[in-house]
Amino acid sequence: MKKHESDAKTVLKHLGKLSTFLADLEAGADNDHCFDVPLDIIKETMMFDVSVLYKVSNVIDNRLILEVVKVLDPNGLRLDLQESRKLRLF
């Protein structure tokens, strides 16, 4: 698969789109939908095949515990990344 470079103008345009989306987001909005837009923007702008949003679940000493919140993997490249799964980083 050939990758294309993202130029600064495209990145800034999409960051503006994300900023507008987040500003318009209402408190208590549907969590699934509020993560779809940022993941789509990451895929379009950065040209990633797989995009993942993590939430910091806990920090213990020098270990970071992350929880997978949402995965955008249309080609099924990372079947190991499932929502609610926890990962440890050192």
Protein backbone atom coordinates (compact mmCIF):
# COMPACT_ATOMS: atom_id res chain seq x y z
CA MET A 1 0.00 0.00 0.00
CA LYS A 2 1.46 3.33 -1.06
CA LYS A 3 1.48 6.08 1.55
CA HIS A 4 0.96 9.72 0.74
CA GLU A 5 2.50 12.53 2.72
CA SER A 6 0.25 14.88 4.66
CA ASP A 7 1.08 18.52 4.20
CA ALA A 8 0.84 21.11 6.96
CA LYS A 9 -2.18 22.80 5.37
CA THR A 10 -4.18 19.54 5.43
CA VAL A 11 -3.19 18.83 9.03
CA LEU A 12 -4.19 22.34 10.16
CA LYS A 13 -7.51 22.10 8.29
CA HIS A 14 -8.36 18.84 10.03
CA LEU A 15 -7.23 20.16 13.43
CA GLY A 16 -9.66 23.04 12.91
CA LYS A 17 -12.39 20.51 12.08
CA LEU A 18 -11.57 18.56 15.25
CA SER A 19 -11.52 21.74 17.34
CA THR A 20 -14.95 22.76 16.02
CA PHE A 21 -16.32 19.27 16.68
CA LEU A 22 -15.02 19.26 20.25
CA ALA A 23 -16.33 22.78 20.92
CA ASP A 24 -19.80 21.77 19.71
CA LEU A 25 -19.81 18.51 21.67
CA GLU A 26 -22.41 18.57 24.41
CA ALA A 27 -21.76 17.22 27.88
CA GLY A 28 -23.12 13.71 28.17
CA ALA A 29 -22.97 13.14 24.41
CA ASP A 30 -22.89 9.64 22.93
CA ASN A 31 -19.36 8.37 23.72
CA ASP A 32 -19.14 6.15 20.64
CA HIS A 33 -19.83 9.03 18.29
CA CYS A 34 -17.47 11.45 20.03
CA PHE A 35 -14.56 9.05 19.39
CA ASP A 36 -15.48 8.29 15.76
CA VAL A 37 -14.76 11.79 14.48
CA PRO A 38 -11.23 12.10 15.97
CA LEU A 39 -10.30 8.62 14.68
CA ASP A 40 -11.56 9.47 11.19
CA ILE A 41 -9.55 12.69 11.25
CA ILE A 42 -6.41 10.81 12.33
CA LYS A 43 -6.89 8.29 9.52
CA GLU A 44 -7.50 10.96 6.86
CA THR A 45 -4.78 13.36 8.01
CA MET A 46 -1.97 11.09 9.13
CA MET A 47 -2.83 8.28 6.68
CA PHE A 48 -2.64 5.62 9.40
CA ASP A 49 -3.96 2.16 8.58
CA VAL A 50 -4.92 1.63 12.23
CA SER A 51 -5.90 4.33 14.72
CA VAL A 52 -6.41 3.70 18.42
CA LEU A 53 -7.61 5.90 21.26
CA TYR A 54 -6.35 4.92 24.70
CA LYS A 55 -7.39 6.05 28.16
CA VAL A 56 -4.89 6.10 31.02
CA SER A 57 -6.38 3.63 33.45
CA ASN A 58 -3.72 3.69 36.16
CA VAL A 59 -0.09 4.54 36.91
CA ILE A 60 1.88 2.25 39.21
CA ASP A 61 5.53 3.18 39.81
CA ASN A 62 7.03 3.36 36.33
CA ARG A 63 4.20 1.40 34.70
CA LEU A 64 1.43 3.00 32.71
CA ILE A 65 -1.81 1.03 32.37
CA LEU A 66 -3.77 1.98 29.24
CA GLU A 67 -7.26 0.90 28.26
CA VAL A 68 -8.23 0.66 24.59
CA VAL A 69 -11.26 2.92 24.22
CA LYS A 70 -11.87 2.83 20.45
CA VAL A 71 -10.16 1.20 17.46
CA LEU A 72 -10.43 2.14 13.80
CA ASP A 73 -9.03 -0.84 11.89
CA PRO A 74 -11.05 -1.26 8.67
CA ASN A 75 -8.68 -3.86 7.20
CA GLY A 76 -8.45 -6.00 10.35
CA LEU A 77 -4.69 -5.55 10.68
CA ARG A 78 -4.58 -5.53 14.50
CA LEU A 79 -7.02 -8.08 15.84
CA ASP A 80 -5.21 -7.93 19.19
CA LEU A 81 -6.44 -4.37 19.80
CA GLN A 82 -9.91 -4.82 21.21
CA GLU A 83 -12.00 -2.25 23.04
CA SER A 84 -11.71 -2.47 26.86
CA ARG A 85 -8.43 -4.36 26.64
CA LYS A 86 -5.73 -3.16 29.05
CA LEU A 87 -2.08 -2.67 28.07
CA ARG A 88 0.96 -2.09 30.26
CA LEU A 89 3.78 0.25 29.26
CA PHE A 90 7.04 0.50 31.14
